[in-house]
């Protein structure tokens, strides 16, 4: 089992254009992800975010958009699992999150990949990986519910 990469795959029974809109529009992204985002999803953009999940509102993070290929790939970098408000992760490496879309017979296949955990400081690496592994399972389910509602 890799400790550097998380990969989740799901087939969403919705058109690729609908799944893409939920991923690439910051307002829609925030609704299913549970965050308030400020900024646009354009390559090179820095988007600030704050969780809106009850009990997690203290968590703030930044997304640095890497790639936007309409209806195909959306990718960004971020500091994973920033649950400790006293942690200054600015000097830490960021992981890369990629959303890849493909049309399939039953709708849209979504693959979510987060990689780069092995570059994190040892004190945070295992917990960040474990929490994001579980987190992406939940977020993929959230996105599926949001898009198919």
C-alpha atoms as a PDB file:
ATOM      1  CA  UNK A   1       0.000   0.000   0.000  1.00  0.00           C
ATOM      2  CA  UNK A   2       1.320   3.445  -0.935  1.00  0.00           C
ATOM      3  CA  UNK A   3       1.637   6.068   1.760  1.00  0.00           C
ATOM      4  CA  UNK A   4       2.239   8.788  -0.837  1.00  0.00           C
ATOM      5  CA  UNK A   5      -0.967   8.605  -2.850  1.00  0.00           C
ATOM      6  CA  UNK A   6      -4.701   8.328  -2.212  1.00  0.00           C
ATOM      7  CA  UNK A   7      -6.952   7.353  -5.103  1.00  0.00           C
ATOM      8  CA  UNK A   8     -10.751   7.190  -5.128  1.00  0.00           C
ATOM      9  CA  UNK A   9     -12.918   6.274  -8.103  1.00  0.00           C
ATOM     10  CA  UNK A  10     -16.686   6.462  -8.549  1.00  0.00           C
ATOM     11  CA  UNK A  11     -19.189   6.443 -11.381  1.00  0.00           C
ATOM     12  CA  UNK A  12     -21.668   9.280 -10.942  1.00  0.00           C
ATOM     13  CA  UNK A  13     -24.974   8.936 -12.762  1.00  0.00           C
ATOM     14  CA  UNK A  14     -24.870  12.443 -14.188  1.00  0.00           C
ATOM     15  CA  UNK A  15     -23.535  14.101 -17.335  1.00  0.00           C
ATOM     16  CA  UNK A  16     -19.875  15.029 -17.314  1.00  0.00           C
ATOM     17  CA  UNK A  17     -20.842  18.722 -17.758  1.00  0.00           C
ATOM     18  CA  UNK A  18     -22.815  18.603 -14.482  1.00  0.00           C
ATOM     19  CA  UNK A  19     -20.001  16.943 -12.518  1.00  0.00           C
ATOM     20  CA  UNK A  20     -17.532  19.415 -14.027  1.00  0.00           C
ATOM     21  CA  UNK A  21     -19.630  22.391 -12.925  1.00  0.00           C
ATOM     22  CA  UNK A  22     -19.742  21.053  -9.342  1.00  0.00           C
ATOM     23  CA  UNK A  23     -15.942  20.751  -9.372  1.00  0.00           C
ATOM     24  CA  UNK A  24     -14.938  23.904 -11.241  1.00  0.00           C
ATOM     25  CA  UNK A  25     -17.349  26.472  -9.799  1.00  0.00           C
ATOM     26  CA  UNK A  26     -16.044  27.643  -6.385  1.00  0.00           C
ATOM     27  CA  UNK A  27     -19.572  28.208  -5.001  1.00  0.00           C
ATOM     28  CA  UNK A  28     -20.743  24.736  -6.006  1.00  0.00           C
ATOM     29  CA  UNK A  29     -17.469  23.166  -4.865  1.00  0.00           C
ATOM     30  CA  UNK A  30     -17.968  24.757  -1.468  1.00  0.00           C
ATOM     31  CA  UNK A  31     -21.521  23.424  -1.143  1.00  0.00           C
ATOM     32  CA  UNK A  32     -20.599  19.762  -1.453  1.00  0.00           C
ATOM     33  CA  UNK A  33     -17.143  20.088   0.132  1.00  0.00           C
ATOM     34  CA  UNK A  34     -18.408  22.012   3.167  1.00  0.00           C
ATOM     35  CA  UNK A  35     -16.389  25.190   2.767  1.00  0.00           C
ATOM     36  CA  UNK A  36     -16.685  28.864   1.893  1.00  0.00           C
ATOM     37  CA  UNK A  37     -14.219  29.662  -0.900  1.00  0.00           C
ATOM     38  CA  UNK A  38     -13.029  33.085  -2.016  1.00  0.00           C
ATOM     39  CA  UNK A  39     -11.446  33.350  -5.453  1.00  0.00           C
ATOM     40  CA  UNK A  40     -11.716  31.878  -8.918  1.00  0.00           C
ATOM     41  CA  UNK A  41     -10.535  28.480 -10.088  1.00  0.00           C
ATOM     42  CA  UNK A  42      -8.044  29.533 -12.760  1.00  0.00           C
ATOM     43  CA  UNK A  43      -4.493  28.219 -13.259  1.00  0.00           C
ATOM     44  CA  UNK A  44      -2.145  29.945 -10.829  1.00  0.00           C
ATOM     45  CA  UNK A  45      -4.971  31.350  -8.687  1.00  0.00           C
ATOM     46  CA  UNK A  46      -4.785  31.309  -4.897  1.00  0.00           C
ATOM     47  CA  UNK A  47      -8.201  30.549  -3.401  1.00  0.00           C
ATOM     48  CA  UNK A  48      -8.798  30.943   0.319  1.00  0.00           C
ATOM     49  CA  UNK A  49     -11.241  28.691   2.120  1.00  0.00           C
ATOM     50  CA  UNK A  50     -12.806  28.101   5.488  1.00  0.00           C
ATOM     51  CA  UNK A  51     -14.699  24.958   6.438  1.00  0.00           C
ATOM     52  CA  UNK A  52     -18.412  25.374   7.147  1.00  0.00           C
ATOM     53  CA  UNK A  53     -18.816  21.916   8.676  1.00  0.00           C
ATOM     54  CA  UNK A  54     -20.203  22.262  12.233  1.00  0.00           C
ATOM     55  CA  UNK A  55     -17.382  21.987  14.727  1.00  0.00           C
ATOM     56  CA  UNK A  56     -14.725  22.491  12.017  1.00  0.00           C
ATOM     57  CA  UNK A  57     -15.331  26.175  11.233  1.00  0.00           C
ATOM     58  CA  UNK A  58     -11.897  27.057  12.669  1.00  0.00           C
ATOM     59  CA  UNK A  59     -10.162  25.243   9.785  1.00  0.00           C
ATOM     60  CA  UNK A  60      -8.870  27.606   7.100  1.00  0.00           C
ATOM     61  CA  UNK A  61      -6.846  26.593   4.085  1.00  0.00           C
ATOM     62  CA  UNK A  62      -5.580  27.785   0.732  1.00  0.00           C
ATOM     63  CA  UNK A  63      -5.889  26.151  -2.673  1.00  0.00           C
ATOM     64  CA  UNK A  64      -3.360  26.936  -5.403  1.00  0.00           C
ATOM     65  CA  UNK A  65      -4.932  25.986  -8.730  1.00  0.00           C
ATOM     66  CA  UNK A  66      -2.592  23.981 -10.965  1.00  0.00           C
ATOM     67  CA  UNK A  67      -4.681  22.855 -13.932  1.00  0.00           C
ATOM     68  CA  UNK A  68      -8.134  23.479 -15.380  1.00  0.00           C
ATOM     69  CA  UNK A  69      -8.968  21.414 -18.471  1.00  0.00           C
ATOM     70  CA  UNK A  70     -12.745  21.795 -19.000  1.00  0.00           C
ATOM     71  CA  UNK A  71     -14.701  18.607 -18.372  1.00  0.00           C
ATOM     72  CA  UNK A  72     -11.461  16.610 -18.057  1.00  0.00           C
ATOM     73  CA  UNK A  73      -9.103  17.644 -15.219  1.00  0.00           C
ATOM     74  CA  UNK A  74      -9.128  20.042 -12.292  1.00  0.00           C
ATOM     75  CA  UNK A  75      -6.022  20.049 -10.086  1.00  0.00           C
ATOM     76  CA  UNK A  76      -4.794  22.083  -7.149  1.00  0.00           C
ATOM     77  CA  UNK A  77      -2.214  22.047  -4.393  1.00  0.00           C
ATOM     78  CA  UNK A  78      -2.933  22.501  -0.707  1.00  0.00           C
ATOM     79  CA  UNK A  79      -1.638  21.740   2.766  1.00  0.00           C
ATOM     80  CA  UNK A  80      -3.532  18.610   3.841  1.00  0.00           C
ATOM     81  CA  UNK A  81      -5.333  18.161   7.141  1.00  0.00           C
ATOM     82  CA  UNK A  82      -4.890  21.546   8.798  1.00  0.00           C
ATOM     83  CA  UNK A  83      -6.979  20.810  11.875  1.00  0.00           C
ATOM     84  CA  UNK A  84      -4.644  22.485  14.371  1.00  0.00           C
ATOM     85  CA  UNK A  85      -5.207  26.270  14.180  1.00  0.00           C
ATOM     86  CA  UNK A  86      -1.766  26.903  15.704  1.00  0.00           C
ATOM     87  CA  UNK A  87       0.049  24.984  12.958  1.00  0.00           C
ATOM     88  CA  UNK A  88       1.929  27.159  10.477  1.00  0.00           C
ATOM     89  CA  UNK A  89       2.187  24.889   7.451  1.00  0.00           C
ATOM     90  CA  UNK A  90       3.346  27.632   5.065  1.00  0.00           C
ATOM     91  CA  UNK A  91       6.866  26.212   4.896  1.00  0.00           C
ATOM     92  CA  UNK A  92       5.658  22.635   4.316  1.00  0.00           C
ATOM     93  CA  UNK A  93       5.313  21.081   0.871  1.00  0.00           C
ATOM     94  CA  UNK A  94       1.782  20.917  -0.526  1.00  0.00           C
ATOM     95  CA  UNK A  95       0.082  17.805  -1.828  1.00  0.00           C
ATOM     96  CA  UNK A  96      -1.483  17.690  -5.289  1.00  0.00           C
ATOM     97  CA  UNK A  97      -5.210  16.950  -5.629  1.00  0.00           C
ATOM     98  CA  UNK A  98      -6.445  15.923  -9.070  1.00  0.00           C
ATOM     99  CA  UNK A  99     -10.014  15.379 -10.215  1.00  0.00           C
ATOM    100  CA  UNK A 100     -10.184  13.490 -13.503  1.00  0.00           C
ATOM    101  CA  UNK A 101     -13.424  13.004 -15.428  1.00  0.00           C
ATOM    102  CA  UNK A 102     -14.262  10.486 -18.130  1.00  0.00           C
ATOM    103  CA  UNK A 103     -17.525   9.708 -19.859  1.00  0.00           C
ATOM    104  CA  UNK A 104     -18.736   6.151 -19.307  1.00  0.00           C
ATOM    105  CA  UNK A 105     -21.931   4.309 -20.235  1.00  0.00           C
ATOM    106  CA  UNK A 106     -23.591   4.965 -16.855  1.00  0.00           C
ATOM    107  CA  UNK A 107     -22.595   8.633 -16.546  1.00  0.00           C
ATOM    108  CA  UNK A 108     -19.275  10.112 -15.478  1.00  0.00           C
ATOM    109  CA  UNK A 109     -16.317   8.329 -13.958  1.00  0.00           C
ATOM    110  CA  UNK A 110     -14.588  10.534 -11.401  1.00  0.00           C
ATOM    111  CA  UNK A 111     -11.106   9.722 -10.175  1.00  0.00           C
ATOM    112  CA  UNK A 112      -9.721  11.736  -7.264  1.00  0.00           C
ATOM    113  CA  UNK A 113      -5.996  11.443  -6.599  1.00  0.00           C
ATOM    114  CA  UNK A 114      -4.074  13.166  -3.840  1.00  0.00           C
ATOM    115  CA  UNK A 115      -0.315  12.660  -3.943  1.00  0.00           C
ATOM    116  CA  UNK A 116       2.811  13.969  -2.263  1.00  0.00           C
ATOM    117  CA  UNK A 117       2.289  12.802   1.323  1.00  0.00           C
ATOM    118  CA  UNK A 118       5.801  11.324   1.533  1.00  0.00           C
ATOM    119  CA  UNK A 119       7.243  14.851   1.282  1.00  0.00           C
ATOM    120  CA  UNK A 120       5.376  16.060   4.407  1.00  0.00           C
ATOM    121  CA  UNK A 121       7.206  16.375   7.734  1.00  0.00           C
ATOM    122  CA  UNK A 122       7.293  12.982   9.472  1.00  0.00           C
ATOM    123  CA  UNK A 123       5.370  14.322  12.485  1.00  0.00           C
ATOM    124  CA  UNK A 124       2.323  15.103  10.275  1.00  0.00           C
ATOM    125  CA  UNK A 125       2.624  12.604   7.420  1.00  0.00           C
ATOM    126  CA  UNK A 126       0.778   9.532   8.760  1.00  0.00           C
ATOM    127  CA  UNK A 127      -2.094  11.473  10.302  1.00  0.00           C
ATOM    128  CA  UNK A 128      -2.569  13.681   7.220  1.00  0.00           C
ATOM    129  CA  UNK A 129      -2.638  10.590   4.997  1.00  0.00           C
ATOM    130  CA  UNK A 130      -5.052   8.706   7.260  1.00  0.00           C
ATOM    131  CA  UNK A 131      -7.417  11.657   7.688  1.00  0.00           C
ATOM    132  CA  UNK A 132      -7.444  12.541   3.985  1.00  0.00           C
ATOM    133  CA  UNK A 133      -7.936   8.889   3.002  1.00  0.00           C
ATOM    134  CA  UNK A 134     -11.134   8.877   5.063  1.00  0.00           C
ATOM    135  CA  UNK A 135     -11.950  12.439   4.040  1.00  0.00           C
ATOM    136  CA  UNK A 136     -11.874  11.714   0.310  1.00  0.00           C
ATOM    137  CA  UNK A 137     -14.169   8.717   0.817  1.00  0.00           C
ATOM    138  CA  UNK A 138     -16.669  11.108   2.417  1.00  0.00           C
ATOM    139  CA  UNK A 139     -16.126  13.923  -0.093  1.00  0.00           C
ATOM    140  CA  UNK A 140     -16.646  11.652  -3.109  1.00  0.00           C
ATOM    141  CA  UNK A 141     -19.937  10.522  -1.548  1.00  0.00           C
ATOM    142  CA  UNK A 142     -20.861  14.184  -0.861  1.00  0.00           C
ATOM    143  CA  UNK A 143     -20.148  15.138  -4.469  1.00  0.00           C
ATOM    144  CA  UNK A 144     -22.167  12.193  -5.771  1.00  0.00           C
ATOM    145  CA  UNK A 145     -25.176  13.167  -3.605  1.00  0.00           C
ATOM    146  CA  UNK A 146     -24.856  16.836  -4.556  1.00  0.00           C
ATOM    147  CA  UNK A 147     -24.687  16.201  -8.302  1.00  0.00           C
ATOM    148  CA  UNK A 148     -27.471  13.610  -8.409  1.00  0.00           C
ATOM    149  CA  UNK A 149     -29.919  15.390  -6.064  1.00  0.00           C
END
